[in-house]
Amino acid sequence: MNLVLFFIGLLTCALSWAAWKGGAPERWATILYAAAIIASELVSQGAPPGQNFTVLAGPLLIVDLTLAIALSVLTIKANRLWLIPATGCQWLAVAGHLTRWLAPRVIPTSYAFLTMIWSWPMIVLLLIGTIAHQRRATRGEQVPGWRRS
């Protein structure tokens, strides 16, 4: 339980810091992360009791896939390198769902691990990106948040 509380604390700090000190891409990533967290909680509450990760979590797959697509678009449009591995992590979470779909006998704990473990590096990458943006701003560097079309 302490690990869950630590994760929630880290997540809250990362999202708050990015919303406060990040550039436009970091703020958009914060919005996308927060929306995915809320959507995941909403669809998880509707899951039948005792079926957590024992079957393909279709609604969670949809949330994760939507976030992966949205982060991919953000990565293409934004001028931030940290988004590349963060988006890759989200696609790996989607791959965890596909593993369950292709191999239904995957142990539920493994399925849960494959889909959730990628949240940790994504949060750390958001923090790294926000700190890098803040350092550039402190030095007076003007790095545009978006790529030219």
Protein backbone atom coordinates (compact mmCIF):
# COMPACT_ATOMS: atom_id res chain seq x y z
CA MET A 1 0.00 0.00 0.00
CA ASN A 2 2.90 2.35 0.67
CA LEU A 3 4.02 1.98 -2.95
CA VAL A 4 0.57 3.06 -4.14
CA LEU A 5 0.67 6.13 -1.90
CA PHE A 6 4.17 6.95 -3.11
CA PHE A 7 3.02 6.64 -6.73
CA ILE A 8 0.02 8.91 -6.11
CA GLY A 9 2.29 11.45 -4.40
CA LEU A 10 4.84 11.34 -7.23
CA LEU A 11 2.08 11.62 -9.81
CA THR A 12 0.49 14.58 -8.04
CA CYS A 13 3.84 16.37 -7.76
CA ALA A 14 4.76 15.70 -11.39
CA LEU A 15 1.43 16.85 -12.79
CA SER A 16 1.35 19.93 -10.56
CA TRP A 17 4.94 20.88 -11.39
CA ALA A 18 4.40 20.39 -15.13
CA ALA A 19 1.18 22.40 -15.09
CA TRP A 20 2.87 25.21 -13.16
CA LYS A 21 6.38 25.37 -14.63
CA GLY A 22 6.21 23.43 -17.89
CA GLY A 23 5.92 24.78 -21.36
CA ALA A 24 2.89 24.21 -23.58
CA PRO A 25 3.86 20.60 -24.50
CA GLU A 26 4.36 19.69 -20.84
CA ARG A 27 0.99 21.21 -19.98
CA TRP A 28 -0.70 19.30 -22.78
CA ALA A 29 0.93 16.09 -21.59
CA THR A 30 -0.35 16.87 -18.08
CA ILE A 31 -3.87 17.26 -19.43
CA LEU A 32 -3.60 13.99 -21.36
CA TYR A 33 -2.18 12.09 -18.37
CA ALA A 34 -4.86 13.47 -16.03
CA ALA A 35 -7.67 12.68 -18.47
CA ALA A 36 -6.37 9.11 -18.87
CA ILE A 37 -6.14 8.65 -15.10
CA ILE A 38 -9.71 9.86 -14.62
CA ALA A 39 -10.99 7.73 -17.50
CA SER A 40 -9.13 4.67 -16.17
CA GLU A 41 -10.68 5.13 -12.74
CA LEU A 42 -14.16 5.53 -14.23
CA VAL A 43 -13.95 2.40 -16.39
CA SER A 44 -12.31 0.39 -13.59
CA GLN A 45 -15.21 1.11 -11.27
CA GLY A 46 -17.57 -0.48 -13.77
CA ALA A 47 -15.59 -3.73 -13.94
CA PRO A 48 -17.34 -6.80 -12.56
CA PRO A 49 -16.01 -7.85 -9.13
CA GLY A 50 -13.21 -10.40 -9.29
CA GLN A 51 -12.41 -9.79 -12.96
CA ASN A 52 -9.51 -7.39 -12.49
CA PHE A 53 -7.02 -8.46 -15.16
CA THR A 54 -8.36 -12.03 -15.32
CA VAL A 55 -9.75 -11.19 -18.77
CA LEU A 56 -8.82 -8.58 -21.36
CA ALA A 57 -9.66 -5.20 -19.82
CA GLY A 58 -11.30 -3.79 -22.95
CA PRO A 59 -12.27 -0.40 -21.50
CA LEU A 60 -8.73 0.10 -20.12
CA LEU A 61 -7.32 -0.91 -23.48
CA ILE A 62 -9.40 1.82 -25.11
CA VAL A 63 -8.17 4.40 -22.59
CA ASP A 64 -4.54 3.32 -23.04
CA LEU A 65 -4.83 3.25 -26.83
CA THR A 66 -6.44 6.69 -26.88
CA LEU A 67 -3.64 8.08 -24.70
CA ALA A 68 -0.99 6.44 -26.91
CA ILE A 69 -2.49 8.02 -30.04
CA ALA A 70 -2.85 11.43 -28.36
CA LEU A 71 0.74 11.31 -27.10
CA SER A 72 1.92 10.29 -30.57
CA VAL A 73 0.25 13.37 -32.07
CA LEU A 74 1.71 15.54 -29.31
CA THR A 75 5.17 14.06 -29.92
CA ILE A 76 4.95 14.84 -33.64
CA LYS A 77 3.81 18.43 -33.07
CA ALA A 78 5.91 19.33 -30.02
CA ASN A 79 9.55 20.31 -29.89
CA ARG A 80 10.38 18.06 -26.92
CA LEU A 81 12.61 14.99 -26.96
CA TRP A 82 11.31 13.60 -23.64
CA LEU A 83 7.97 12.89 -25.32
CA ILE A 84 9.50 10.23 -27.56
CA PRO A 85 10.31 7.71 -24.80
CA ALA A 86 7.17 8.68 -22.86
CA THR A 87 5.03 7.87 -25.89
CA GLY A 88 6.97 4.65 -26.38
CA CYS A 89 6.17 3.67 -22.79
CA GLN A 90 2.47 4.20 -23.44
CA TRP A 91 2.62 2.06 -26.57
CA LEU A 92 4.27 -0.66 -24.46
CA ALA A 93 1.29 -0.50 -22.08
CA VAL A 94 -0.97 -1.05 -25.10
CA ALA A 95 1.26 -3.99 -26.06
CA GLY A 96 0.60 -5.43 -22.60
CA HIS A 97 -3.11 -5.50 -23.42
CA LEU A 98 -2.38 -7.12 -26.78
CA THR A 99 -0.33 -9.77 -24.98
CA ARG A 100 -3.39 -10.66 -22.91
CA TRP A 101 -5.55 -10.74 -26.04
CA LEU A 102 -3.13 -12.96 -27.97
CA ALA A 103 -2.26 -15.21 -25.00
CA PRO A 104 -5.37 -15.46 -22.79
CA ARG A 105 -3.55 -17.73 -20.33
CA VAL A 106 -1.19 -14.96 -19.23
CA ILE A 107 -1.18 -14.77 -15.45
CA PRO A 108 -3.40 -11.84 -14.33
CA THR A 109 -0.61 -10.38 -12.21
CA SER A 110 1.71 -10.38 -15.21
CA TYR A 111 -0.95 -8.72 -17.34
CA ALA A 112 -1.47 -6.02 -14.72
CA PHE A 113 2.29 -5.51 -14.42
CA LEU A 114 2.76 -5.24 -18.20
CA THR A 115 0.12 -2.53 -18.47
CA MET A 116 0.91 -0.51 -15.35
CA ILE A 117 4.70 -0.55 -14.98
CA TRP A 118 5.14 1.99 -17.78
CA SER A 119 3.40 4.70 -15.75
CA TRP A 120 6.49 5.11 -13.58
CA PRO A 121 8.96 6.09 -16.31
CA MET A 122 6.30 8.25 -17.97
CA ILE A 123 5.97 10.32 -14.82
CA VAL A 124 9.74 10.58 -14.42
CA LEU A 125 10.07 11.65 -18.06
CA LEU A 126 7.44 14.36 -17.55
CA LEU A 127 9.45 15.63 -14.58
CA ILE A 128 12.68 15.56 -16.59
CA GLY A 129 11.02 17.44 -19.45
CA THR A 130 9.59 20.05 -17.12
CA ILE A 131 12.92 20.55 -15.34
CA ALA A 132 14.70 20.89 -18.70
CA HIS A 133 12.16 23.46 -19.85
CA GLN A 134 12.52 25.37 -16.58
CA ARG A 135 16.33 25.39 -16.86
CA ARG A 136 16.15 26.73 -20.40
CA ALA A 137 13.73 29.43 -19.28
CA THR A 138 16.00 30.37 -16.35
CA ARG A 139 18.96 30.76 -18.73
CA GLY A 140 16.82 32.90 -21.02
CA GLU A 141 16.87 30.42 -23.89
CA GLN A 142 13.94 30.68 -26.24
CA VAL A 143 13.06 27.14 -27.30
CA PRO A 144 9.75 27.00 -29.12
CA GLY A 145 7.29 24.48 -27.74
CA TRP A 146 6.00 23.51 -31.16
CA ARG A 147 7.60 22.50 -34.42
CA ARG A 148 7.00 24.54 -37.50
CA SER A 149 4.56 22.97 -39.92
